[in-house]
Amino acid sequence: MSSLRCISLRRLLLPLVAVVLAGCATSPPEGISSIAPFDAARYTGKWYEIARLDHSFERGLSDVSARYRQQADGSIEVINRGFDSDKNDWREAVGRALFIGDTNRASLKVSFFGPFYGGYHVVRLDTDYRWAMVVGPSRDYLWILARDKQLAPEIREQLLRDARTLGLSTDQLVWVTHTRSDG
């Protein structure tokens, strides 16, 4: 292969490889630590998405929830569900979460697409496991979750303060509405 063709091929492939690898990052963002101790059994069950930083895979969805279920092999099944008003239908994605290291620390990697994993790090968690704040592999990913469809105003404000302290863009949060019954 000529050196010119090789250089052109590298210019084309290197950005693609960088994007793929960035999409597979699993570590928490620098300066952010996940919760420990963490009890996966208490975390399982249904959570409602209260707020999120917007991404294409959830764009336009309302009534978003996540259900976590422990599996015999130690993984956690993840079922994300939301209502797409443009299609007037529910969308659902099923994935698998694995602990990154110690199962006593709330740092996991989640995959909805085969071998590609992204980080899932619980960085704030109610002692009764009633609400949680989760970040992804970068500060571009943030979810506020709760066992109920709404959070008390004082908890919401505390989580927003905590998110800002961690360098997360709370002014760009999408506040999720929950008006439908999801059966």
Protein backbone atom coordinates (compact mmCIF):
# COMPACT_ATOMS: atom_id res chain seq x y z
CA MET A 1 0.00 0.00 0.00
CA SER A 2 1.40 3.40 -0.87
CA SER A 3 2.37 5.67 2.00
CA LEU A 4 -0.13 8.30 0.84
CA ARG A 5 -2.97 5.77 0.86
CA CYS A 6 -1.84 4.53 4.29
CA ILE A 7 -1.84 8.07 5.70
CA SER A 8 -5.32 8.73 4.27
CA LEU A 9 -6.62 5.48 5.70
CA ARG A 10 -5.20 6.37 9.14
CA ARG A 11 -6.80 9.82 8.98
CA LEU A 12 -10.13 8.16 8.28
CA LEU A 13 -9.89 5.33 10.80
CA LEU A 14 -8.28 7.04 13.80
CA PRO A 15 -11.20 9.39 14.47
CA LEU A 16 -13.62 6.45 14.08
CA VAL A 17 -11.64 4.32 16.53
CA ALA A 18 -11.49 7.26 18.97
CA VAL A 19 -15.28 7.69 18.82
CA VAL A 20 -15.90 3.97 19.33
CA LEU A 21 -13.49 3.79 22.26
CA ALA A 22 -14.93 6.94 23.84
CA GLY A 23 -18.39 5.38 23.59
CA CYS A 24 -17.08 2.35 25.47
CA ALA A 25 -15.54 4.22 28.40
CA THR A 26 -16.51 2.73 31.71
CA SER A 27 -14.55 4.61 34.40
CA PRO A 28 -16.22 7.48 36.25
CA PRO A 29 -15.22 11.00 35.24
CA GLU A 30 -12.05 12.31 36.87
CA GLY A 31 -12.72 13.62 40.37
CA ILE A 32 -16.02 11.75 40.76
CA SER A 33 -16.34 8.63 42.95
CA SER A 34 -19.14 6.12 43.11
CA ILE A 35 -20.92 5.14 46.31
CA ALA A 36 -19.55 2.51 48.66
CA PRO A 37 -20.86 0.55 50.40
CA PHE A 38 -23.48 -0.41 47.83
CA ASP A 39 -26.09 -3.14 48.07
CA ALA A 40 -27.15 -4.29 44.59
CA ALA A 41 -30.09 -6.26 46.01
CA ARG A 42 -31.54 -3.07 47.52
CA TYR A 43 -30.95 -1.18 44.25
CA THR A 44 -32.87 -3.68 42.14
CA GLY A 45 -36.46 -2.99 41.22
CA LYS A 46 -38.11 -0.09 39.43
CA TRP A 47 -36.77 3.47 39.25
CA TYR A 48 -38.33 6.50 37.56
CA GLU A 49 -36.16 8.90 35.63
CA ILE A 50 -36.71 12.34 37.16
CA ALA A 51 -34.15 14.24 35.09
CA ARG A 52 -31.38 13.58 32.58
CA LEU A 53 -28.86 15.24 30.37
CA ASP A 54 -30.24 14.77 26.87
CA HIS A 55 -28.83 12.19 24.45
CA SER A 56 -30.12 10.82 21.17
CA PHE A 57 -31.02 7.43 22.65
CA GLU A 58 -33.59 9.06 25.00
CA ARG A 59 -34.45 12.20 23.09
CA GLY A 60 -38.17 12.95 23.12
CA LEU A 61 -39.08 10.22 25.59
CA SER A 62 -41.39 10.83 28.52
CA ASP A 63 -42.47 8.49 31.31
CA VAL A 64 -39.01 6.90 31.40
CA SER A 65 -38.31 4.15 33.90
CA ALA A 66 -35.62 1.56 34.51
CA ARG A 67 -36.02 -1.86 36.04
CA TYR A 68 -32.98 -3.65 37.48
CA ARG A 69 -32.99 -7.37 38.21
CA GLN A 70 -30.10 -9.47 39.56
CA GLN A 71 -29.17 -12.51 37.49
CA ALA A 72 -27.75 -15.83 38.64
CA ASP A 73 -24.40 -15.09 36.95
CA GLY A 74 -23.89 -11.93 39.03
CA SER A 75 -24.91 -9.53 36.27
CA ILE A 76 -27.88 -7.19 36.48
CA GLU A 77 -30.56 -7.12 33.80
CA VAL A 78 -31.50 -3.55 32.86
CA ILE A 79 -34.81 -2.75 31.18
CA ASN A 80 -35.22 0.90 30.18
CA ARG A 81 -38.64 2.01 29.01
CA GLY A 82 -40.05 5.32 27.79
CA PHE A 83 -42.94 6.72 25.81
CA ASP A 84 -42.23 8.12 22.33
CA SER A 85 -44.99 10.66 21.68
CA ASP A 86 -44.00 11.05 18.00
CA LYS A 87 -44.72 7.35 17.41
CA ASN A 88 -47.41 7.15 20.09
CA ASP A 89 -45.76 4.00 21.40
CA TRP A 90 -43.53 2.68 24.15
CA ARG A 91 -39.83 2.08 23.44
CA GLU A 92 -37.89 -0.45 25.44
CA ALA A 93 -34.22 -1.42 25.59
CA VAL A 94 -32.87 -4.45 27.45
CA GLY A 95 -29.28 -4.47 28.61
CA ARG A 96 -26.84 -6.07 30.97
CA ALA A 97 -24.78 -4.46 33.73
CA LEU A 98 -21.59 -5.82 35.25
CA PHE A 99 -19.69 -4.54 38.25
CA ILE A 100 -16.35 -2.89 37.56
CA GLY A 101 -14.27 -4.45 40.29
CA ASP A 102 -15.68 -4.63 43.81
CA THR A 103 -19.41 -5.44 44.01
CA ASN A 104 -19.55 -3.28 47.13
CA ARG A 105 -18.94 -0.14 44.99
CA ALA A 106 -21.68 1.33 42.76
CA SER A 107 -19.55 1.36 39.60
CA LEU A 108 -20.88 -0.74 36.76
CA LYS A 109 -20.61 -1.00 33.02
CA VAL A 110 -23.82 -1.39 31.03
CA SER A 111 -24.35 -2.71 27.53
CA PHE A 112 -27.41 -2.49 25.33
CA PHE A 113 -25.46 -3.23 22.15
CA GLY A 114 -23.41 -6.41 22.33
CA PRO A 115 -19.82 -5.99 23.41
CA PHE A 116 -19.97 -2.19 23.80
CA TYR A 117 -20.20 -0.99 27.39
CA GLY A 118 -20.61 2.43 28.98
CA GLY A 119 -20.02 3.45 32.57
CA TYR A 120 -22.85 3.67 35.12
CA HIS A 121 -21.79 5.17 38.45
CA VAL A 122 -24.12 5.88 41.35
CA VAL A 123 -22.60 8.98 42.96
CA ARG A 124 -25.39 9.94 45.38
CA LEU A 125 -27.80 7.52 46.98
CA ASP A 126 -30.48 7.84 49.63
CA THR A 127 -29.80 5.66 52.68
CA ASP A 128 -33.21 4.03 52.07
CA TYR A 129 -32.52 3.63 48.33
CA ARG A 130 -35.41 5.99 47.45
CA TRP A 131 -33.44 8.26 45.07
CA ALA A 132 -30.11 8.20 43.26
CA MET A 133 -27.87 10.35 41.11
CA VAL A 134 -25.99 8.50 38.37
CA VAL A 135 -23.23 9.65 36.03
CA GLY A 136 -21.77 7.96 32.99
CA PRO A 137 -18.19 7.86 31.79
CA SER A 138 -18.05 11.64 31.35
CA ARG A 139 -19.76 14.71 32.74
CA ASP A 140 -22.05 14.65 29.69
CA TYR A 141 -24.13 11.88 31.27
CA LEU A 142 -26.32 12.48 34.31
CA TRP A 143 -29.53 10.89 35.54
CA ILE A 144 -31.57 11.62 38.64
CA LEU A 145 -33.70 8.61 39.56
CA ALA A 146 -36.32 7.94 42.20
CA ARG A 147 -38.61 5.14 43.32
CA ASP A 148 -41.53 7.54 42.93
CA LYS A 149 -42.48 9.67 39.93
CA GLN A 150 -41.58 12.89 41.78
CA LEU A 151 -38.95 14.08 44.22
CA ALA A 152 -39.53 16.33 47.20
CA PRO A 153 -38.35 19.87 46.33
CA GLU A 154 -35.67 19.89 49.04
CA ILE A 155 -34.15 16.62 47.74
CA ARG A 156 -34.27 17.89 44.18
CA GLU A 157 -32.45 21.09 45.18
CA GLN A 158 -29.82 19.16 47.15
CA LEU A 159 -29.13 16.88 44.18
CA LEU A 160 -28.83 19.90 41.87
CA ARG A 161 -26.32 21.50 44.27
CA ASP A 162 -24.37 18.23 44.44
CA ALA A 163 -24.38 17.90 40.64
CA ARG A 164 -23.08 21.45 40.20
CA THR A 165 -20.33 20.75 42.77
CA LEU A 166 -19.30 17.76 40.64
CA GLY A 167 -19.10 19.97 37.56
CA LEU A 168 -22.27 18.72 35.88
CA SER A 169 -24.44 21.00 33.70
CA THR A 170 -27.68 21.18 35.64
CA ASP A 171 -28.95 24.02 33.42
CA GLN A 172 -29.20 21.50 30.55
CA LEU A 173 -31.23 18.89 32.42
CA VAL A 174 -34.40 17.54 30.83
CA TRP A 175 -37.09 17.14 33.49
CA VAL A 176 -39.04 14.01 32.64
CA THR A 177 -42.83 14.02 32.82
CA HIS A 178 -44.70 10.97 34.12
CA THR A 179 -48.34 11.13 33.09
CA ARG A 180 -48.98 7.70 31.55
CA SER A 181 -49.60 4.37 33.15
CA ASP A 182 -47.00 1.91 31.96
CA GLY A 183 -49.02 -1.16 32.76
